[in-house]
Amino acid sequence: PGVAYEFHTDRLTAVVGFPFVSVDYRPTREWQFEFNY
């Protein structure tokens, strides 16, 4: 079983929970940072 919170803004999409994390961050149009676990 698990629970996660899904969060969206114009620059950030994230799903944080157990047992996984997914983050996609665009501080500017040119740069993008992603982390998945």
Full PDB file with SEQRES, HELIX, SHEET, SSBOND, CRYST1, ORIGX, SCALE, CONECT and MASTER records, all heavy atoms in Angstrom:
SEQRES   1 A   37  PRO GLY VAL ALA TYR GLU PHE HIS THR ASP ARG LEU THR          
SEQRES   2 A   37  ALA VAL VAL GLY PHE PRO PHE VAL SER VAL ASP TYR ARG          
SEQRES   3 A   37  PRO THR ARG GLU TRP GLN PHE GLU PHE ASN TYR                  
SHEET    1 AA1 4 ALA A   4  HIS A   8  0                                        
SHEET    2 AA1 4 LEU A  12  GLY A  17 -1                                        
SHEET    3 AA1 4 VAL A  21  TYR A  25 -1                                        
SHEET    4 AA1 4 PHE A  33  ASN A  36 -1                                        
CRYST1    1.000    1.000    1.000  90.00  90.00  90.00 P 1           1          
ORIGX1      1.000000  0.000000  0.000000        0.00000                         
ORIGX2      0.000000  1.000000  0.000000        0.00000                         
ORIGX3      0.000000  0.000000  1.000000        0.00000                         
SCALE1      1.000000  0.000000  0.000000        0.00000                         
SCALE2      0.000000  1.000000  0.000000        0.00000                         
SCALE3      0.000000  0.000000  1.000000        0.00000                         
ATOM      1  N   PRO A   1       0.835  -1.204   0.000  1.00  0.00           N  
ATOM      2  CA  PRO A   1       0.000   0.000   0.000  1.00  0.00           C  
ATOM      3  C   PRO A   1       0.864   1.246   0.000  1.00  0.00           C  
ATOM      4  O   PRO A   1       2.031   1.222   0.407  1.00  0.00           O  
ATOM      5  CB  PRO A   1      -0.800  -0.127   1.297  1.00  0.00           C  
ATOM      6  CG  PRO A   1       0.130  -0.872   2.213  1.00  0.00           C  
ATOM      7  CD  PRO A   1       0.917  -1.827   1.331  1.00  0.00           C  
ATOM      8  N   GLY A   2       0.290   2.347  -0.442  1.00  0.00           N  
ATOM      9  CA  GLY A   2       1.039   3.591  -0.458  1.00  0.00           C  
ATOM     10  C   GLY A   2       0.141   4.796  -0.575  1.00  0.00           C  
ATOM     11  O   GLY A   2      -1.048   4.703  -0.889  1.00  0.00           O  
ATOM     12  N   VAL A   3       0.726   5.964  -0.326  1.00  0.00           N  
ATOM     13  CA  VAL A   3       0.031   7.236  -0.463  1.00  0.00           C  
ATOM     14  C   VAL A   3       1.025   8.242  -1.024  1.00  0.00           C  
ATOM     15  O   VAL A   3       2.224   8.165  -0.750  1.00  0.00           O  
ATOM     16  CB  VAL A   3      -0.542   7.706   0.897  1.00  0.00           C  
ATOM     17  CG1 VAL A   3       0.565   7.915   1.914  1.00  0.00           C  
ATOM     18  CG2 VAL A   3      -1.367   8.979   0.728  1.00  0.00           C  
ATOM     19  N   ALA A   4       0.556   9.154  -1.838  1.00  0.00           N  
ATOM     20  CA  ALA A   4       1.417  10.166  -2.439  1.00  0.00           C  
ATOM     21  C   ALA A   4       0.622  11.444  -2.642  1.00  0.00           C  
ATOM     22  O   ALA A   4      -0.612  11.431  -2.711  1.00  0.00           O  
ATOM     23  CB  ALA A   4       1.980   9.677  -3.768  1.00  0.00           C  
ATOM     24  N   TYR A   5       1.362  12.550  -2.745  1.00  0.00           N  
ATOM     25  CA  TYR A   5       0.735  13.838  -3.034  1.00  0.00           C  
ATOM     26  C   TYR A   5       1.235  14.326  -4.382  1.00  0.00           C  
ATOM     27  O   TYR A   5       2.444  14.318  -4.657  1.00  0.00           O  
ATOM     28  CB  TYR A   5       1.070  14.882  -1.966  1.00  0.00           C  
ATOM     29  CG  TYR A   5       0.279  16.153  -2.114  1.00  0.00           C  
ATOM     30  CD1 TYR A   5      -1.063  16.198  -1.754  1.00  0.00           C  
ATOM     31  CD2 TYR A   5       0.868  17.304  -2.637  1.00  0.00           C  
ATOM     32  CE1 TYR A   5      -1.799  17.360  -1.897  1.00  0.00           C  
ATOM     33  CE2 TYR A   5       0.138  18.474  -2.782  1.00  0.00           C  
ATOM     34  CZ  TYR A   5      -1.198  18.491  -2.413  1.00  0.00           C  
ATOM     35  OH  TYR A   5      -1.932  19.644  -2.572  1.00  0.00           O  
ATOM     36  N   GLU A   6       0.314  14.735  -5.211  1.00  0.00           N  
ATOM     37  CA  GLU A   6       0.611  15.196  -6.569  1.00  0.00           C  
ATOM     38  C   GLU A   6       0.474  16.721  -6.612  1.00  0.00           C  
ATOM     39  O   GLU A   6      -0.562  17.275  -6.229  1.00  0.00           O  
ATOM     40  CB  GLU A   6      -0.370  14.524  -7.529  1.00  0.00           C  
ATOM     41  CG  GLU A   6      -0.254  14.955  -8.960  1.00  0.00           C  
ATOM     42  CD  GLU A   6      -1.440  14.454  -9.759  1.00  0.00           C  
ATOM     43  OE1 GLU A   6      -2.202  13.625  -9.236  1.00  0.00           O  
ATOM     44  OE2 GLU A   6      -1.603  14.919 -10.892  1.00  0.00           O  
ATOM     45  N   PHE A   7       1.564  17.390  -7.064  1.00  0.00           N  
ATOM     46  CA  PHE A   7       1.644  18.845  -6.976  1.00  0.00           C  
ATOM     47  C   PHE A   7       1.991  19.419  -8.338  1.00  0.00           C  
ATOM     48  O   PHE A   7       2.911  18.945  -9.011  1.00  0.00           O  
ATOM     49  CB  PHE A   7       2.708  19.237  -5.949  1.00  0.00           C  
ATOM     50  CG  PHE A   7       2.868  20.718  -5.757  1.00  0.00           C  
ATOM     51  CD1 PHE A   7       1.958  21.432  -5.011  1.00  0.00           C  
ATOM     52  CD2 PHE A   7       3.934  21.395  -6.330  1.00  0.00           C  
ATOM     53  CE1 PHE A   7       2.103  22.807  -4.833  1.00  0.00           C  
ATOM     54  CE2 PHE A   7       4.080  22.761  -6.158  1.00  0.00           C  
ATOM     55  CZ  PHE A   7       3.165  23.476  -5.400  1.00  0.00           C  
ATOM     56  N   HIS A   8       1.251  20.438  -8.772  1.00  0.00           N  
ATOM     57  CA  HIS A   8       1.463  21.046 -10.087  1.00  0.00           C  
ATOM     58  C   HIS A   8       1.482  22.569  -9.981  1.00  0.00           C  
ATOM     59  O   HIS A   8       0.603  23.165  -9.355  1.00  0.00           O  
ATOM     60  CB  HIS A   8       0.344  20.657 -11.069  1.00  0.00           C  
ATOM     61  CG  HIS A   8       0.237  19.194 -11.325  1.00  0.00           C  
ATOM     62  ND1 HIS A   8       0.968  18.530 -12.281  1.00  0.00           N  
ATOM     63  CD2 HIS A   8      -0.528  18.249 -10.730  1.00  0.00           C  
ATOM     64  CE1 HIS A   8       0.658  17.253 -12.279  1.00  0.00           C  
ATOM     65  NE2 HIS A   8      -0.247  17.058 -11.350  1.00  0.00           N  
ATOM     66  N   THR A   9       2.516  23.183 -10.584  1.00  0.00           N  
ATOM     67  CA  THR A   9       2.527  24.621 -10.829  1.00  0.00           C  
ATOM     68  C   THR A   9       2.955  24.826 -12.289  1.00  0.00           C  
ATOM     69  O   THR A   9       3.192  23.863 -13.011  1.00  0.00           O  
ATOM     70  CB  THR A   9       3.500  25.357  -9.889  1.00  0.00           C  
ATOM     71  OG1 THR A   9       4.852  25.036 -10.266  1.00  0.00           O  
ATOM     72  CG2 THR A   9       3.272  24.974  -8.430  1.00  0.00           C  
ATOM     73  N   ASP A  10       3.086  26.075 -12.699  1.00  0.00           N  
ATOM     74  CA  ASP A  10       3.518  26.332 -14.065  1.00  0.00           C  
ATOM     75  C   ASP A  10       4.950  25.855 -14.305  1.00  0.00           C  
ATOM     76  O   ASP A  10       5.332  25.596 -15.448  1.00  0.00           O  
ATOM     77  CB  ASP A  10       3.417  27.825 -14.381  1.00  0.00           C  
ATOM     78  CG  ASP A  10       1.979  28.292 -14.446  1.00  0.00           C  
ATOM     79  OD1 ASP A  10       1.100  27.448 -14.678  1.00  0.00           O  
ATOM     80  OD2 ASP A  10       1.741  29.507 -14.265  1.00  0.00           O  
ATOM     81  N   ARG A  11       5.761  25.761 -13.255  1.00  0.00           N  
ATOM     82  CA  ARG A  11       7.161  25.364 -13.405  1.00  0.00           C  
ATOM     83  C   ARG A  11       7.488  23.999 -12.812  1.00  0.00           C  
ATOM     84  O   ARG A  11       8.531  23.443 -13.132  1.00  0.00           O  
ATOM     85  CB  ARG A  11       8.068  26.414 -12.726  1.00  0.00           C  
ATOM     86  CG  ARG A  11       7.877  27.826 -13.249  1.00  0.00           C  
ATOM     87  CD  ARG A  11       8.383  27.971 -14.666  1.00  0.00           C  
ATOM     88  NE  ARG A  11       8.187  29.322 -15.178  1.00  0.00           N  
ATOM     89  CZ  ARG A  11       8.515  29.706 -16.397  1.00  0.00           C  
ATOM     90  NH1 ARG A  11       9.065  28.831 -17.220  1.00  0.00           N  
ATOM     91  NH2 ARG A  11       8.297  30.944 -16.795  1.00  0.00           N  
ATOM     92  N   LEU A  12       6.636  23.475 -11.964  1.00  0.00           N  
ATOM     93  CA  LEU A  12       6.966  22.266 -11.220  1.00  0.00           C  
ATOM     94  C   LEU A  12       5.831  21.256 -11.286  1.00  0.00           C  
ATOM     95  O   LEU A  12       4.656  21.596 -11.101  1.00  0.00           O  
ATOM     96  CB  LEU A  12       7.230  22.619  -9.744  1.00  0.00           C  
ATOM     97  CG  LEU A  12       7.476  21.446  -8.792  1.00  0.00           C  
ATOM     98  CD1 LEU A  12       8.778  20.737  -9.133  1.00  0.00           C  
ATOM     99  CD2 LEU A  12       7.493  21.938  -7.339  1.00  0.00           C  
ATOM    100  N   THR A  13       6.205  19.999 -11.563  1.00  0.00           N  
ATOM    101  CA  THR A  13       5.301  18.867 -11.470  1.00  0.00           C  
ATOM    102  C   THR A  13       5.972  17.837 -10.582  1.00  0.00           C  
ATOM    103  O   THR A  13       7.097  17.415 -10.857  1.00  0.00           O  
ATOM    104  CB  THR A  13       5.008  18.252 -12.845  1.00  0.00           C  
ATOM    105  OG1 THR A  13       4.339  19.215 -13.668  1.00  0.00           O  
ATOM    106  CG2 THR A  13       4.133  17.019 -12.711  1.00  0.00           C  
ATOM    107  N   ALA A  14       5.310  17.438  -9.511  1.00  0.00           N  
ATOM    108  CA  ALA A  14       5.923  16.509  -8.569  1.00  0.00           C  
ATOM    109  C   ALA A  14       4.875  15.546  -8.030  1.00  0.00           C  
ATOM    110  O   ALA A  14       3.724  15.925  -7.802  1.00  0.00           O  
ATOM    111  CB  ALA A  14       6.576  17.266  -7.417  1.00  0.00           C  
ATOM    112  N   VAL A  15       5.295  14.294  -7.845  1.00  0.00           N  
ATOM    113  CA  VAL A  15       4.505  13.286  -7.157  1.00  0.00           C  
ATOM    114  C   VAL A  15       5.426  12.699  -6.082  1.00  0.00           C  
ATOM    115  O   VAL A  15       6.419  12.048  -6.404  1.00  0.00           O  
ATOM    116  CB  VAL A  15       4.006  12.182  -8.107  1.00  0.00           C  
ATOM    117  CG1 VAL A  15       3.109  11.208  -7.354  1.00  0.00           C  
ATOM    118  CG2 VAL A  15       3.258  12.780  -9.289  1.00  0.00           C  
ATOM    119  N   VAL A  16       5.086  12.946  -4.827  1.00  0.00           N  
ATOM    120  CA  VAL A  16       5.952  12.546  -3.719  1.00  0.00           C  
ATOM    121  C   VAL A  16       5.177  11.607  -2.814  1.00  0.00           C  
ATOM    122  O   VAL A  16       4.090  11.942  -2.328  1.00  0.00           O  
ATOM    123  CB  VAL A  16       6.434  13.767  -2.919  1.00  0.00           C  
ATOM    124  CG1 VAL A  16       7.322  13.338  -1.767  1.00  0.00           C  
ATOM    125  CG2 VAL A  16       7.167  14.744  -3.830  1.00  0.00           C  
ATOM    126  N   GLY A  17       5.718  10.395  -2.606  1.00  0.00           N  
ATOM    127  CA  GLY A  17       5.025   9.436  -1.770  1.00  0.00           C  
ATOM    128  C   GLY A  17       5.905   8.263  -1.426  1.00  0.00           C  
ATOM    129  O   GLY A  17       7.130   8.325  -1.507  1.00  0.00           O  
ATOM    130  N   PHE A  18       5.265   7.174  -1.042  1.00  0.00           N  
ATOM    131  CA  PHE A  18       5.962   5.939  -0.711  1.00  0.00           C  
ATOM    132  C   PHE A  18       5.457   4.852  -1.649  1.00  0.00           C  
ATOM    133  O   PHE A  18       4.252   4.660  -1.781  1.00  0.00           O  
ATOM    134  CB  PHE A  18       5.696   5.536   0.734  1.00  0.00           C  
ATOM    135  CG  PHE A  18       6.249   4.177   1.073  1.00  0.00           C  
ATOM    136  CD1 PHE A  18       7.586   4.018   1.395  1.00  0.00           C  
ATOM    137  CD2 PHE A  18       5.430   3.058   1.048  1.00  0.00           C  
ATOM    138  CE1 PHE A  18       8.096   2.756   1.698  1.00  0.00           C  
ATOM    139  CE2 PHE A  18       5.931   1.800   1.349  1.00  0.00           C  
ATOM    140  CZ  PHE A  18       7.268   1.651   1.676  1.00  0.00           C  
ATOM    141  N   PRO A  19       6.338   4.097  -2.329  1.00  0.00           N  
ATOM    142  CA  PRO A  19       7.806   4.152  -2.230  1.00  0.00           C  
ATOM    143  C   PRO A  19       8.448   4.790  -3.456  1.00  0.00           C  
ATOM    144  O   PRO A  19       9.320   4.203  -4.079  1.00  0.00           O  
ATOM    145  CB  PRO A  19       8.159   2.665  -2.144  1.00  0.00           C  
ATOM    146  CG  PRO A  19       7.123   2.000  -3.026  1.00  0.00           C  
ATOM    147  CD  PRO A  19       5.886   2.870  -2.981  1.00  0.00           C  
ATOM    148  N   PHE A  20       8.022   5.989  -3.847  1.00  0.00           N  
ATOM    149  CA  PHE A  20       8.595   6.617  -5.025  1.00  0.00           C  
ATOM    150  C   PHE A  20       8.493   8.135  -4.934  1.00  0.00           C  
ATOM    151  O   PHE A  20       7.704   8.695  -4.172  1.00  0.00           O  
ATOM    152  CB  PHE A  20       7.878   6.138  -6.292  1.00  0.00           C  
ATOM    153  CG  PHE A  20       6.529   6.781  -6.478  1.00  0.00           C  
ATOM    154  CD1 PHE A  20       6.372   7.851  -7.340  1.00  0.00           C  
ATOM    155  CD2 PHE A  20       5.436   6.326  -5.785  1.00  0.00           C  
ATOM    156  CE1 PHE A  20       5.137   8.459  -7.509  1.00  0.00           C  
ATOM    157  CE2 PHE A  20       4.193   6.924  -5.944  1.00  0.00           C  
ATOM    158  CZ  PHE A  20       4.044   7.985  -6.801  1.00  0.00           C  
ATOM    159  N   VAL A  21       9.344   8.806  -5.736  1.00  0.00           N  
ATOM    160  CA  VAL A  21       9.323  10.260  -5.865  1.00  0.00           C  
ATOM    161  C   VAL A  21       9.548  10.586  -7.330  1.00  0.00           C  
ATOM    162  O   VAL A  21      10.404   9.977  -7.994  1.00  0.00           O  
ATOM    163  CB  VAL A  21      10.426  10.926  -5.011  1.00  0.00           C  
ATOM    164  CG1 VAL A  21      10.457  12.428  -5.259  1.00  0.00           C  
ATOM    165  CG2 VAL A  21      10.218  10.640  -3.537  1.00  0.00           C  
ATOM    166  N   SER A  22       8.791  11.535  -7.864  1.00  0.00           N  
ATOM    167  CA  SER A  22       8.966  11.986  -9.240  1.00  0.00           C  
ATOM    168  C   SER A  22       8.855  13.509  -9.272  1.00  0.00           C  
ATOM    169  O   SER A  22       7.831  14.068  -8.869  1.00  0.00           O  
ATOM    170  CB  SER A  22       7.899  11.358 -10.156  1.00  0.00           C  
ATOM    171  OG  SER A  22       8.038  11.815 -11.480  1.00  0.00           O  
ATOM    172  N   VAL A  23       9.932  14.189  -9.721  1.00  0.00           N  
ATOM    173  CA  VAL A  23       9.976  15.651  -9.728  1.00  0.00           C  
ATOM    174  C   VAL A  23      10.448  16.128 -11.099  1.00  0.00           C  
ATOM    175  O   VAL A  23      11.444  15.622 -11.630  1.00  0.00           O  
ATOM    176  CB  VAL A  23      10.919  16.195  -8.634  1.00  0.00           C  
ATOM    177  CG1 VAL A  23      10.973  17.720  -8.691  1.00  0.00           C  
ATOM    178  CG2 VAL A  23      10.478  15.723  -7.259  1.00  0.00           C  
ATOM    179  N   ASP A  24       9.751  17.104 -11.671  1.00  0.00           N  
ATOM    180  CA  ASP A  24      10.133  17.729 -12.940  1.00  0.00           C  
ATOM    181  C   ASP A  24      10.030  19.247 -12.744  1.00  0.00           C  
ATOM    182  O   ASP A  24       8.938  19.794 -12.604  1.00  0.00           O  
ATOM    183  CB  ASP A  24       9.199  17.267 -14.060  1.00  0.00           C  
ATOM    184  CG  ASP A  24       9.640  17.751 -15.433  1.00  0.00           C  
ATOM    185  OD1 ASP A  24      10.410  18.730 -15.507  1.00  0.00           O  
ATOM    186  OD2 ASP A  24       9.212  17.159 -16.439  1.00  0.00           O  
ATOM    187  N   TYR A  25      11.185  19.937 -12.731  1.00  0.00           N  
ATOM    188  CA  TYR A  25      11.241  21.365 -12.415  1.00  0.00           C  
ATOM    189  C   TYR A  25      11.808  22.128 -13.597  1.00  0.00           C  
ATOM    190  O   TYR A  25      12.876  21.792 -14.116  1.00  0.00           O  
ATOM    191  CB  TYR A  25      12.097  21.581 -11.172  1.00  0.00           C  
ATOM    192  CG  TYR A  25      12.268  23.030 -10.781  1.00  0.00           C  
ATOM    193  CD1 TYR A  25      11.161  23.876 -10.642  1.00  0.00           C  
ATOM    194  CD2 TYR A  25      13.538  23.556 -10.529  1.00  0.00           C  
ATOM    195  CE1 TYR A  25      11.321  25.197 -10.273  1.00  0.00           C  
ATOM    196  CE2 TYR A  25      13.696  24.877 -10.160  1.00  0.00           C  
ATOM    197  CZ  TYR A  25      12.580  25.699 -10.038  1.00  0.00           C  
ATOM    198  OH  TYR A  25      12.734  27.007  -9.682  1.00  0.00           O  
ATOM    199  N   ARG A  26      11.081  23.173 -14.041  1.00  0.00           N  
ATOM    200  CA  ARG A  26      11.520  24.039 -15.138  1.00  0.00           C  
ATOM    201  C   ARG A  26      11.640  25.473 -14.630  1.00  0.00           C  
ATOM    202  O   ARG A  26      10.688  26.258 -14.723  1.00  0.00           O  
ATOM    203  CB  ARG A  26      10.505  23.980 -16.292  1.00  0.00           C  
ATOM    204  CG  ARG A  26      10.376  22.643 -16.983  1.00  0.00           C  
ATOM    205  CD  ARG A  26      11.551  22.324 -17.876  1.00  0.00           C  
ATOM    206  NE  ARG A  26      11.659  23.226 -18.992  1.00  0.00           N  
ATOM    207  CZ  ARG A  26      11.122  22.992 -20.198  1.00  0.00           C  
ATOM    208  NH1 ARG A  26      10.425  21.893 -20.416  1.00  0.00           N  
ATOM    209  NH2 ARG A  26      11.289  23.848 -21.188  1.00  0.00           N  
ATOM    210  N   PRO A  27      12.802  25.858 -14.049  1.00  0.00           N  
ATOM    211  CA  PRO A  27      12.938  27.222 -13.523  1.00  0.00           C  
ATOM    212  C   PRO A  27      12.857  28.272 -14.619  1.00  0.00           C  
ATOM    213  O   PRO A  27      12.433  29.408 -14.370  1.00  0.00           O  
ATOM    214  CB  PRO A  27      14.319  27.208 -12.854  1.00  0.00           C  
ATOM    215  CG  PRO A  27      15.058  26.100 -13.532  1.00  0.00           C  
ATOM    216  CD  PRO A  27      14.025  25.073 -13.851  1.00  0.00           C  
ATOM    217  N   THR A  28      13.325  27.932 -15.824  1.00  0.00           N  
ATOM    218  CA  THR A  28      13.201  28.800 -16.991  1.00  0.00           C  
ATOM    219  C   THR A  28      12.780  27.934 -18.171  1.00  0.00           C  
ATOM    220  O   THR A  28      12.753  26.708 -18.085  1.00  0.00           O  
ATOM    221  CB  THR A  28      14.540  29.502 -17.324  1.00  0.00           C  
ATOM    222  OG1 THR A  28      15.491  28.511 -17.758  1.00  0.00           O  
ATOM    223  CG2 THR A  28      15.099  30.234 -16.105  1.00  0.00           C  
ATOM    224  N   ARG A  29      12.484  28.582 -19.280  1.00  0.00           N  
ATOM    225  CA  ARG A  29      12.112  27.824 -20.467  1.00  0.00           C  
ATOM    226  C   ARG A  29      13.270  26.969 -20.965  1.00  0.00           C  
ATOM    227  O   ARG A  29      13.065  25.893 -21.539  1.00  0.00           O  
ATOM    228  CB  ARG A  29      11.641  28.775 -21.571  1.00  0.00           C  
ATOM    229  CG  ARG A  29      11.134  28.077 -22.834  1.00  0.00           C  
ATOM    230  CD  ARG A  29      10.563  29.080 -23.811  1.00  0.00           C  
ATOM    231  NE  ARG A  29       9.431  29.760 -23.222  1.00  0.00           N  
ATOM    232  CZ  ARG A  29       8.197  29.266 -23.210  1.00  0.00           C  
ATOM    233  NH1 ARG A  29       7.965  28.070 -23.700  1.00  0.00           N  
ATOM    234  NH2 ARG A  29       7.213  29.957 -22.663  1.00  0.00           N  
ATOM    235  N   GLU A  30      14.507  27.418 -20.736  1.00  0.00           N  
ATOM    236  CA  GLU A  30      15.663  26.688 -21.257  1.00  0.00           C  
ATOM    237  C   GLU A  30      16.095  25.530 -20.373  1.00  0.00           C  
ATOM    238  O   GLU A  30      16.585  24.512 -20.878  1.00  0.00           O  
ATOM    239  CB  GLU A  30      16.852  27.646 -21.428  1.00  0.00           C  
ATOM    240  CG  GLU A  30      16.684  28.685 -22.522  1.00  0.00           C  
ATOM    241  CD  GLU A  30      15.827  29.862 -22.076  1.00  0.00           C  
ATOM    242  OE1 GLU A  30      15.618  30.002 -20.838  1.00  0.00           O  
ATOM    243  OE2 GLU A  30      15.356  30.623 -22.949  1.00  0.00           O  
ATOM    244  N   TRP A  31      15.939  25.641 -19.054  1.00  0.00           N  
ATOM    245  CA  TRP A  31      16.504  24.652 -18.144  1.00  0.00           C  
ATOM    246  C   TRP A  31      15.419  23.756 -17.552  1.00  0.00           C  
ATOM    247  O   TRP A  31      14.331  24.218 -17.214  1.00  0.00           O  
ATOM    248  CB  TRP A  31      17.277  25.328 -17.020  1.00  0.00           C  
ATOM    249  CG  TRP A  31      18.588  25.905 -17.471  1.00  0.00           C  
ATOM    250  CD1 TRP A  31      18.859  27.199 -17.802  1.00  0.00           C  
ATOM    251  CD2 TRP A  31      19.805  25.177 -17.669  1.00  0.00           C  
ATOM    252  NE1 TRP A  31      20.166  27.333 -18.188  1.00  0.00           N  
ATOM    253  CE2 TRP A  31      20.785  26.101 -18.110  1.00  0.00           C  
ATOM    254  CE3 TRP A  31      20.182  23.834 -17.498  1.00  0.00           C  
ATOM    255  CZ2 TRP A  31      22.086  25.726 -18.401  1.00  0.00           C  
ATOM    256  CZ3 TRP A  31      21.486  23.459 -17.782  1.00  0.00           C  
ATOM    257  CH2 TRP A  31      22.418  24.399 -18.229  1.00  0.00           C  
ATOM    258  N   GLN A  32      15.771  22.475 -17.412  1.00  0.00           N  
ATOM    259  CA  GLN A  32      14.858  21.482 -16.844  1.00  0.00           C  
ATOM    260  C   GLN A  32      15.652  20.528 -15.951  1.00  0.00           C  
ATOM    261  O   GLN A  32      16.733  20.066 -16.321  1.00  0.00           O  
ATOM    262  CB  GLN A  32      14.158  20.683 -17.944  1.00  0.00           C  
ATOM    263  CG  GLN A  32      13.206  19.607 -17.437  1.00  0.00           C  
ATOM    264  CD  GLN A  32      12.582  18.813 -18.578  1.00  0.00           C  
ATOM    265  OE1 GLN A  32      13.093  18.812 -19.691  1.00  0.00           O  
ATOM    266  NE2 GLN A  32      11.473  18.156 -18.299  1.00  0.00           N  
ATOM    267  N   PHE A  33      15.116  20.251 -14.763  1.00  0.00           N  
ATOM    268  CA  PHE A  33      15.754  19.333 -13.823  1.00  0.00           C  
ATOM    269  C   PHE A  33      14.735  18.263 -13.422  1.00  0.00           C  
ATOM    270  O   PHE A  33      13.615  18.591 -13.013  1.00  0.00           O  
ATOM    271  CB  PHE A  33      16.256  20.084 -12.593  1.00  0.00           C  
ATOM    272  CG  PHE A  33      17.262  21.151 -12.907  1.00  0.00           C  
ATOM    273  CD1 PHE A  33      16.860  22.481 -13.081  1.00  0.00           C  
ATOM    274  CD2 PHE A  33      18.610  20.837 -13.065  1.00  0.00           C  
ATOM    275  CE1 PHE A  33      17.781  23.464 -13.381  1.00  0.00           C  
ATOM    276  CE2 PHE A  33      19.534  21.825 -13.373  1.00  0.00           C  
ATOM    277  CZ  PHE A  33      19.127  23.131 -13.529  1.00  0.00           C  
ATOM    278  N   GLU A  34      15.154  16.999 -13.532  1.00  0.00           N  
ATOM    279  CA  GLU A  34      14.266  15.888 -13.228  1.00  0.00           C  
ATOM    280  C   GLU A  34      14.922  14.950 -12.217  1.00  0.00           C  
ATOM    281  O   GLU A  34      16.133  14.710 -12.265  1.00  0.00           O  
ATOM    282  CB  GLU A  34      13.950  15.080 -14.490  1.00  0.00           C  
ATOM    283  CG  GLU A  34      13.260  15.889 -15.580  1.00  0.00           C  
ATOM    284  CD  GLU A  34      13.268  15.154 -16.903  1.00  0.00           C  
ATOM    285  OE1 GLU A  34      12.328  14.380 -17.147  1.00  0.00           O  
ATOM    286  OE2 GLU A  34      14.235  15.338 -17.669  1.00  0.00           O  
ATOM    287  N   PHE A  35      14.094  14.430 -11.324  1.00  0.00           N  
ATOM    288  CA  PHE A  35      14.558  13.416 -10.384  1.00  0.00           C  
ATOM    289  C   PHE A  35      13.447  12.398 -10.189  1.00  0.00           C  
ATOM    290  O   PHE A  35      12.298  12.764  -9.904  1.00  0.00           O  
ATOM    291  CB  PHE A  35      14.935  14.021  -9.032  1.00  0.00           C  
ATOM    292  CG  PHE A  35      15.353  12.985  -8.024  1.00  0.00           C  
ATOM    293  CD1 PHE A  35      16.618  12.411  -8.086  1.00  0.00           C  
ATOM    294  CD2 PHE A  35      14.471  12.575  -7.027  1.00  0.00           C  
ATOM    295  CE1 PHE A  35      16.997  11.445  -7.163  1.00  0.00           C  
ATOM    296  CE2 PHE A  35      14.849  11.607  -6.095  1.00  0.00           C  
ATOM    297  CZ  PHE A  35      16.121  11.047  -6.174  1.00  0.00           C  
ATOM    298  N   ASN A  36      13.784  11.115 -10.377  1.00  0.00           N  
ATOM    299  CA  ASN A  36      12.834  10.026 -10.179  1.00  0.00           C  
ATOM    300  C   ASN A  36      13.479   8.963  -9.308  1.00  0.00           C  
ATOM    301  O   ASN A  36      14.638   8.583  -9.526  1.00  0.00           O  
ATOM    302  CB  ASN A  36      12.417   9.396 -11.518  1.00  0.00           C  
ATOM    303  CG  ASN A  36      11.635  10.357 -12.375  1.00  0.00           C  
ATOM    304  OD1 ASN A  36      10.719  11.011 -11.900  1.00  0.00           O  
ATOM    305  ND2 ASN A  36      12.009  10.457 -13.639  1.00  0.00           N  
ATOM    306  N   TYR A  37      12.720   8.485  -8.328  1.00  0.00           N  
ATOM    307  CA  TYR A  37      13.199   7.396  -7.485  1.00  0.00           C  
ATOM    308  C   TYR A  37      12.060   6.412  -7.265  1.00  0.00           C  
ATOM    309  O   TYR A  37      10.912   6.804  -7.013  1.00  0.00           O  
ATOM    310  CB  TYR A  37      13.682   7.902  -6.121  1.00  0.00           C  
ATOM    311  CG  TYR A  37      13.934   6.761  -5.153  1.00  0.00           C  
ATOM    312  CD1 TYR A  37      15.087   5.991  -5.250  1.00  0.00           C  
ATOM    313  CD2 TYR A  37      12.982   6.422  -4.182  1.00  0.00           C  
ATOM    314  CE1 TYR A  37      15.311   4.919  -4.389  1.00  0.00           C  
ATOM    315  CE2 TYR A  37      13.200   5.358  -3.317  1.00  0.00           C  
ATOM    316  CZ  TYR A  37      14.362   4.608  -3.432  1.00  0.00           C  
ATOM    317  OH  TYR A  37      14.565   3.545  -2.604  1.00  0.00           O  
TER     318      TYR A  37                                                      
MASTER        0    0    0    0    4    0    0    6  317    1    0    3          
END                                                                             
